[in-house]
Protein backbone atom coordinates (compact mmCIF):
# COMPACT_ATOMS: atom_id res chain seq x y z
CA MET A 1 78.07 -304.75 -181.11
CA LYS A 2 78.19 -303.64 -177.47
CA ARG A 3 81.97 -303.36 -177.70
CA ILE A 4 81.69 -301.11 -180.76
CA VAL A 5 79.16 -298.85 -179.03
CA PHE A 6 81.28 -298.73 -175.87
CA SER A 7 84.42 -297.90 -177.87
CA ALA A 8 82.63 -295.13 -179.74
CA ALA A 9 81.33 -293.68 -176.49
CA LEU A 10 84.79 -293.87 -174.93
CA VAL A 11 86.41 -292.08 -177.87
CA ALA A 12 83.73 -289.38 -177.75
CA ALA A 13 84.21 -288.92 -174.02
CA LEU A 14 87.98 -288.65 -174.36
CA ALA A 15 87.63 -286.16 -177.20
CA ALA A 16 85.19 -284.08 -175.18
CA GLY A 17 87.49 -284.15 -172.18
CA THR A 18 90.47 -283.12 -174.27
CA PHE A 19 88.52 -280.27 -175.86
CA ALA A 20 87.36 -279.06 -172.47
CA ALA A 21 90.90 -279.13 -171.13
CA VAL A 22 92.25 -277.25 -174.13
CA SER A 23 89.56 -274.56 -174.05
CA GLN A 24 89.40 -273.92 -170.31
CA SER A 25 90.41 -270.45 -169.13
CA ALA A 26 90.75 -269.38 -172.76
CA ASP A 27 89.00 -266.08 -171.97
CA PRO A 28 91.84 -263.51 -171.84
CA TYR A 29 89.79 -261.32 -169.50
CA ALA A 30 89.41 -264.04 -166.87
CA ASN A 31 92.80 -263.11 -165.44
CA ASN A 32 92.21 -259.36 -165.26
CA ALA A 33 92.58 -257.73 -161.87
CA ALA A 34 89.14 -257.41 -160.20
CA ALA A 35 87.45 -258.70 -163.36
CA GLY A 36 83.83 -257.66 -163.48
CA LYS A 37 84.16 -254.76 -161.07
CA MET A 38 81.75 -251.98 -162.07
CA GLN A 39 82.82 -249.02 -159.89
CA PHE A 40 85.87 -246.90 -160.83
CA PRO A 41 86.38 -244.13 -158.27
CA LEU A 42 89.79 -243.08 -159.65
CA ALA A 43 88.71 -243.10 -163.30
CA ALA A 44 89.34 -239.96 -165.35
CA PRO A 45 86.16 -237.86 -165.64
CA ALA A 46 84.45 -238.18 -168.99
CA GLY A 47 85.97 -235.87 -171.58
CA VAL A 48 88.55 -234.43 -169.16
CA ASP A 49 92.34 -234.60 -169.41
CA SER A 50 93.27 -236.08 -166.01
CA LYS A 51 96.98 -235.08 -166.33
CA ALA A 52 97.87 -238.65 -165.22
CA ALA A 53 101.13 -238.56 -167.20
CA THR A 54 102.48 -235.74 -165.03
CA LYS A 55 100.49 -236.05 -161.79
CA SER A 56 100.42 -238.96 -159.31
CA TYR A 57 97.48 -239.80 -157.03
CA PRO A 58 97.35 -239.65 -153.22
CA GLY A 59 98.75 -242.87 -151.72
CA ALA A 60 100.55 -243.90 -154.90
CA VAL A 61 103.96 -245.58 -154.70
CA ASN A 62 105.13 -244.01 -157.96
CA THR A 63 105.02 -240.25 -157.56
CA GLY A 64 105.69 -237.32 -159.87
CA ALA A 65 105.66 -237.50 -163.64
CA TYR A 66 105.43 -240.95 -165.21
CA ASP A 67 108.93 -242.33 -165.82
CA MET A 68 109.19 -245.91 -167.07
CA SER A 69 112.87 -246.18 -166.07
CA LYS A 70 112.05 -245.37 -162.44
CA TRP A 71 108.84 -247.40 -162.09
CA LYS A 72 108.55 -249.33 -158.82
CA TYR A 73 106.82 -252.65 -159.39
CA GLY A 74 103.84 -253.33 -157.13
CA THR A 75 102.95 -256.19 -154.79
CA ALA A 76 99.82 -257.46 -156.59
CA PHE A 77 101.47 -260.81 -157.39
CA ASP A 78 103.47 -261.38 -154.21
CA VAL A 79 102.94 -264.74 -152.51
CA PRO A 80 102.52 -264.67 -148.71
CA GLY A 81 105.18 -266.86 -147.15
CA GLY A 82 107.22 -267.06 -150.36
CA VAL A 83 107.05 -269.11 -153.56
CA LYS A 84 107.26 -272.91 -153.44
CA ILE A 85 108.99 -274.87 -156.20
CA TRP A 86 106.36 -277.20 -157.65
CA ASN A 87 108.06 -277.99 -161.00
CA PRO A 88 110.04 -281.22 -160.37
CA VAL A 89 112.48 -280.44 -163.19
CA LYS A 90 113.31 -277.02 -161.75
CA LEU A 91 113.72 -278.62 -158.32
CA LYS A 92 116.22 -281.17 -159.60
CA MET A 93 118.15 -278.57 -161.57
CA MET A 94 118.39 -276.29 -158.55
CA LYS A 95 119.96 -279.21 -156.68
CA GLY A 96 122.42 -279.87 -159.48
CA GLU A 97 120.90 -283.28 -160.24
CA LYS A 98 120.78 -284.72 -163.75
CA VAL A 99 117.58 -284.34 -165.79
CA THR A 100 116.64 -285.94 -169.08
CA GLY A 101 114.11 -284.96 -171.72
CA GLY A 102 112.63 -287.50 -174.11
CA THR A 103 112.11 -286.13 -177.62
CA LEU A 104 108.68 -286.30 -179.26
CA PHE A 105 109.56 -285.57 -182.86
CA ALA A 106 107.12 -287.05 -185.36
CA SER A 107 103.95 -287.98 -183.54
CA SER A 108 101.07 -285.69 -182.58
CA ASP A 109 99.07 -288.55 -181.09
CA PRO A 110 98.09 -287.92 -177.44
CA SER A 111 98.43 -291.60 -176.51
CA THR A 112 102.01 -291.66 -177.83
CA TYR A 113 102.83 -288.49 -175.94
CA CYS A 114 101.35 -289.83 -172.70
CA ALA A 115 103.24 -293.12 -173.07
CA MET A 116 106.48 -291.14 -173.46
CA ALA A 117 105.57 -288.84 -170.57
CA ASN A 118 105.07 -291.81 -168.22
CA ALA A 119 108.08 -293.81 -169.42
CA GLY A 120 110.62 -292.37 -166.97
CA TYR A 121 111.92 -289.09 -168.42
CA ASP A 122 111.97 -285.86 -166.40
CA PHE A 123 110.35 -283.85 -169.19
CA ILE A 124 109.21 -284.36 -172.75
CA TRP A 125 110.86 -282.20 -175.40
CA VAL A 126 108.07 -281.69 -177.95
CA GLU A 127 109.76 -280.63 -181.15
CA HIS A 128 108.51 -277.53 -182.99
CA GLN A 129 111.71 -276.31 -184.64
CA HIS A 130 112.03 -279.19 -187.09
CA SER A 131 108.47 -280.50 -187.00
CA ALA A 132 105.38 -279.45 -188.92
CA ARG A 133 103.03 -279.87 -185.94
CA ASP A 134 100.98 -276.90 -184.78
CA TRP A 135 100.20 -275.59 -181.31
CA ASN A 136 96.70 -277.02 -181.29
CA ASP A 137 98.19 -280.54 -181.60
CA THR A 138 100.68 -279.90 -178.81
CA ALA A 139 98.04 -278.39 -176.52
CA LYS A 140 95.83 -281.46 -177.01
CA MET A 141 98.67 -283.84 -176.20
CA TRP A 142 99.51 -281.99 -173.00
CA ALA A 143 95.84 -281.78 -172.04
CA THR A 144 95.42 -285.55 -172.27
CA CYS A 145 97.83 -286.22 -169.37
CA PRO A 146 98.85 -282.85 -167.89
CA HIS A 147 100.24 -284.36 -164.68
CA ALA A 148 102.19 -287.26 -166.18
CA LYS A 149 105.51 -288.16 -164.57
CA ALA A 150 107.42 -286.06 -167.10
CA VAL A 151 106.45 -282.39 -167.25
CA PRO A 152 105.53 -280.81 -170.60
CA GLY A 153 108.43 -279.18 -172.40
CA VAL A 154 108.97 -277.84 -175.90
CA ARG A 155 111.61 -276.57 -178.28
CA VAL A 156 109.98 -273.65 -180.05
CA ALA A 157 110.73 -272.91 -183.68
CA TYR A 158 112.71 -269.71 -183.05
CA THR A 159 112.97 -266.69 -180.77
CA ASP A 160 109.53 -265.20 -181.24
CA GLU A 161 106.92 -263.73 -178.89
CA ARG A 162 104.06 -265.65 -180.48
CA GLU A 163 105.91 -268.98 -180.33
CA ILE A 164 106.90 -268.55 -176.70
CA GLN A 165 103.48 -267.20 -175.66
CA HIS A 166 101.71 -270.17 -177.28
CA ALA A 167 104.07 -272.64 -175.59
CA LEU A 168 103.62 -271.22 -172.12
CA ASP A 169 99.88 -270.54 -172.32
CA ALA A 170 99.43 -274.16 -173.43
CA GLY A 171 101.23 -275.36 -170.30
CA ALA A 172 104.97 -275.77 -170.98
CA LEU A 173 107.18 -275.90 -167.89
CA VAL A 174 110.42 -276.42 -169.81
CA LEU A 175 111.09 -273.97 -172.64
CA VAL A 176 113.97 -274.62 -175.04
CA VAL A 177 114.88 -271.79 -177.44
CA PRO A 178 117.12 -272.80 -180.38
CA THR A 179 119.85 -271.01 -182.33
CA VAL A 180 120.28 -268.07 -179.98
CA ARG A 181 122.74 -265.96 -181.96
CA SER A 182 123.29 -262.92 -179.74
CA TYR A 183 122.93 -261.48 -176.27
CA GLU A 184 120.13 -259.24 -177.53
CA GLU A 185 118.18 -262.22 -178.91
CA ALA A 186 118.65 -264.06 -175.62
CA VAL A 187 117.22 -261.11 -173.70
CA LYS A 188 114.16 -261.14 -175.96
CA ALA A 189 113.65 -264.86 -175.30
CA ARG A 190 113.88 -264.21 -171.56
CA ASP A 191 111.53 -261.23 -171.75
CA TRP A 192 108.80 -263.18 -173.57
CA ALA A 193 109.16 -266.19 -171.27
CA TYR A 194 108.71 -264.45 -167.91
CA PHE A 195 106.02 -262.26 -166.43
CA PRO A 196 106.98 -258.79 -165.13
CA PRO A 197 109.04 -257.63 -163.41
CA LEU A 198 111.61 -260.15 -164.68
CA GLY A 199 110.22 -260.24 -168.23
CA LYS A 200 107.46 -258.89 -170.45
CA ARG A 201 105.14 -261.89 -170.92
CA SER A 202 101.49 -261.00 -171.48
CA ASN A 203 99.05 -262.25 -168.84
CA GLY A 204 96.42 -263.83 -171.08
CA GLY A 205 94.33 -266.98 -171.04
CA GLY A 206 95.18 -270.54 -171.95
CA GLN A 207 94.99 -274.00 -170.48
CA ALA A 208 98.09 -273.42 -168.31
CA PHE A 209 95.94 -271.24 -166.05
CA GLY A 210 93.20 -273.86 -165.68
CA ALA A 211 92.53 -276.18 -162.76
CA ASN A 212 93.53 -279.25 -164.77
CA PHE A 213 96.99 -277.80 -165.29
CA TRP A 214 98.69 -275.30 -162.98
CA GLY A 215 95.77 -273.21 -161.74
CA GLY A 216 95.79 -274.98 -158.38
CA VAL A 217 99.51 -274.83 -157.60
CA PRO A 218 100.53 -273.31 -154.24
CA GLY A 219 100.40 -269.53 -154.58
CA GLY A 220 98.76 -269.57 -158.03
CA TYR A 221 100.16 -269.94 -161.53
CA ARG A 222 100.70 -266.27 -162.41
CA GLN A 223 102.34 -265.60 -159.07
CA THR A 224 104.75 -268.57 -159.12
CA ILE A 225 105.58 -269.56 -162.70
CA ASN A 226 108.55 -267.19 -162.91
CA ASP A 227 110.23 -269.23 -160.16
CA ASN A 228 109.17 -272.57 -161.63
CA LEU A 229 109.84 -272.17 -165.35
CA VAL A 230 112.94 -273.83 -166.81
CA LEU A 231 114.42 -271.72 -169.63
CA ILE A 232 117.12 -273.39 -171.75
CA LEU A 233 118.90 -271.38 -174.45
CA MET A 234 120.75 -273.26 -177.19
CA ILE A 235 124.20 -272.14 -178.35
CA GLU A 236 124.52 -273.48 -181.90
CA THR A 237 126.36 -270.92 -184.02
CA LEU A 238 129.58 -268.91 -184.17
CA ASP A 239 127.56 -265.82 -183.21
CA GLY A 240 126.17 -267.59 -180.17
CA LEU A 241 129.64 -268.69 -179.09
CA LYS A 242 130.82 -265.08 -179.26
CA ASP A 243 128.16 -264.00 -176.76
CA ALA A 244 128.01 -267.21 -174.70
CA ASP A 245 129.35 -265.63 -171.50
CA ARG A 246 126.82 -262.78 -171.59
CA ILE A 247 123.93 -265.05 -172.57
CA ALA A 248 124.54 -267.40 -169.66
CA LYS A 249 124.51 -264.52 -167.17
CA ILE A 250 121.08 -263.15 -168.16
CA PRO A 251 118.75 -263.33 -165.13
CA GLY A 252 116.13 -266.02 -165.71
CA VAL A 253 118.30 -268.33 -167.82
CA THR A 254 118.24 -271.77 -166.18
CA ALA A 255 120.64 -273.53 -168.52
CA ILE A 256 122.53 -273.21 -171.78
CA PHE A 257 122.67 -276.07 -174.27
CA ALA A 258 125.81 -276.94 -176.22
CA ALA A 259 124.15 -278.04 -179.46
CA SER A 260 126.30 -280.95 -180.60
CA GLY A 261 124.86 -281.27 -184.12
CA ASP A 262 124.49 -277.64 -185.13
CA LEU A 263 127.79 -276.55 -183.62
CA SER A 264 129.30 -279.05 -186.05
CA ASN A 265 127.04 -277.79 -188.85
CA HIS A 266 127.92 -274.14 -188.30
CA THR A 267 131.65 -274.59 -187.62
CA GLY A 268 132.69 -277.39 -189.96
CA TYR A 269 134.20 -279.73 -187.37
CA ARG A 270 133.08 -282.99 -185.78
CA GLN A 271 133.12 -284.24 -182.20
CA GLY A 272 136.70 -285.09 -181.24
CA ASP A 273 138.27 -282.45 -183.49
CA PRO A 274 140.23 -279.88 -181.46
CA ASP A 275 138.25 -276.97 -182.94
CA TYR A 276 134.94 -278.66 -182.16
CA GLU A 277 135.92 -279.50 -178.60
CA ARG A 278 137.09 -275.94 -178.08
CA ASN A 279 133.64 -274.67 -179.08
CA ILE A 280 131.86 -277.05 -176.72
CA ASN A 281 134.16 -275.96 -173.92
CA ILE A 282 133.37 -272.28 -174.60
CA VAL A 283 129.74 -273.12 -173.78
CA HIS A 284 130.88 -275.21 -170.80
CA ASP A 285 132.95 -272.35 -169.40
CA ALA A 286 130.14 -269.84 -169.86
CA ALA A 287 127.76 -272.04 -167.86
CA ILE A 288 130.26 -272.64 -165.08
CA LYS A 289 131.11 -268.94 -164.73
CA ALA A 290 127.42 -267.95 -164.68
CA GLY A 291 126.38 -270.71 -162.28
CA VAL A 292 123.73 -272.10 -164.63
CA ARG A 293 123.17 -275.68 -165.76
CA LEU A 294 124.83 -277.18 -168.82
CA CYS A 295 122.84 -279.26 -171.33
CA GLY A 296 123.74 -281.58 -174.18
CA PRO A 297 122.81 -284.88 -175.86
CA LEU A 298 122.22 -287.94 -173.67
CA SER A 299 125.45 -289.50 -174.94
CA TRP A 300 127.26 -286.81 -172.94
CA ARG A 301 125.77 -287.88 -169.61
CA ASP A 302 129.26 -288.70 -168.31
CA ARG A 303 130.90 -285.57 -169.72
CA PRO A 304 132.09 -283.33 -166.84
CA ASP A 305 129.61 -280.72 -165.57
CA PHE A 306 126.78 -281.68 -167.94
CA THR A 307 123.57 -282.28 -165.96
CA CYS A 308 120.77 -281.72 -168.51
CA PHE A 309 120.24 -284.01 -171.49
CA GLN A 310 118.12 -284.53 -174.60
CA ALA A 311 117.35 -288.19 -175.22
CA GLY A 312 116.21 -289.82 -178.46
CA SER A 313 112.90 -289.64 -180.28
CA GLU A 314 109.76 -291.70 -179.79
CA THR A 315 110.65 -293.94 -182.74
CA LEU A 316 114.06 -294.74 -181.24
CA ALA A 317 112.49 -295.33 -177.82
CA ILE A 318 109.99 -297.78 -179.32
CA ALA A 319 112.73 -299.65 -181.19
CA ASN A 320 114.97 -299.86 -178.12
CA GLY A 321 112.05 -300.89 -175.93
CA VAL A 322 111.04 -303.72 -178.25
CA LYS A 323 114.65 -304.94 -178.43
CA ALA A 324 114.92 -304.97 -174.64
CA GLU A 325 111.53 -306.67 -174.26
CA LEU A 326 112.11 -309.45 -176.81
CA GLY A 327 115.70 -310.23 -175.91
CA PRO A 328 116.91 -313.23 -177.97
CA LEU A 329 113.61 -313.26 -179.88
CA TRP A 330 114.28 -309.76 -181.30
CA ASN A 331 114.59 -309.49 -185.08
CA THR A 332 114.11 -313.21 -185.73
CA GLN A 333 111.44 -312.91 -188.42
CA GLY A 334 110.80 -315.85 -190.72
CA LYS A 335 112.38 -315.81 -194.19
CA PRO A 336 110.17 -317.28 -196.90
CA ASP A 337 111.69 -318.21 -200.26
CA ALA A 338 109.20 -316.17 -202.25
CA GLY A 339 107.14 -312.99 -201.97
CA PRO A 340 107.89 -309.55 -200.56
CA TYR A 341 109.47 -310.98 -197.39
CA ALA A 342 111.96 -313.19 -199.20
CA ASP A 343 115.65 -312.31 -199.03
CA LYS A 344 116.58 -309.89 -201.80
CA LYS A 345 119.31 -311.35 -203.98
């Protein structure tokens, strides 16, 4: 009886902790500049046209009429002494070292995610493109072990501001964007991934800002995430191949991914066919010319210049792990003569 009560209490405590982690810093106003300040000496007088669109204020950096194309970005988010790289995946990629992401495809169970995240990968690729899971599930998984050995990563469903905003506010440090079909689409993905001045990401709330995640990193999360985020764009279609060179050169792109399966799907050729290999090498050449990293499936870990890899799913990892653990005892189940476990004739 005591064990049952203890287990119930433990489950309740874990649930409460997960909920607290997910909901912390959810207030979008918590990150406003000088939040709560009640005096506004430069505010427009009540009911008066201040002419702010055509008239600058004394001491302002941007003078004259408002012109978006000439706007000089301010120093509010500068970090004294410079930004430190605290994302281990970004650090390895900057050094040209190989990184591997384990794929969490089917499960939304936090314990499964945490087991994967502490199994030896560099990051966990939580699948949203081909999975029915929602962002609440993913946020809870990340909140259960935010500082596991592997950093939280995700492949979003498509190039979309809401998808990318949810991923990053929930705590993603590796962002994979699939089926990028044009230079213009790639720019949008970059813009939604990064804060100004590099991009156009909204500075809202979310657990990424909280102390249990990245709120305590050197220099602060808002100030340093642009330098620490890993953005991987996937080239999977004929359209993407056409613009591969331009996509790879977009500022903020960390790597481009030669999508082995969908490049076959969209072109009609398989690995080893001359046409297929030409397409993969178009992505290769674009990465080399742009000086960004080149990603592909784990089976390509010995392919020249590839340094970023997607490994198998949690189900494959479990199967391989059991096989390695059992050795000669693997798959030696008994074979009765009758019943559901009997050999099928």
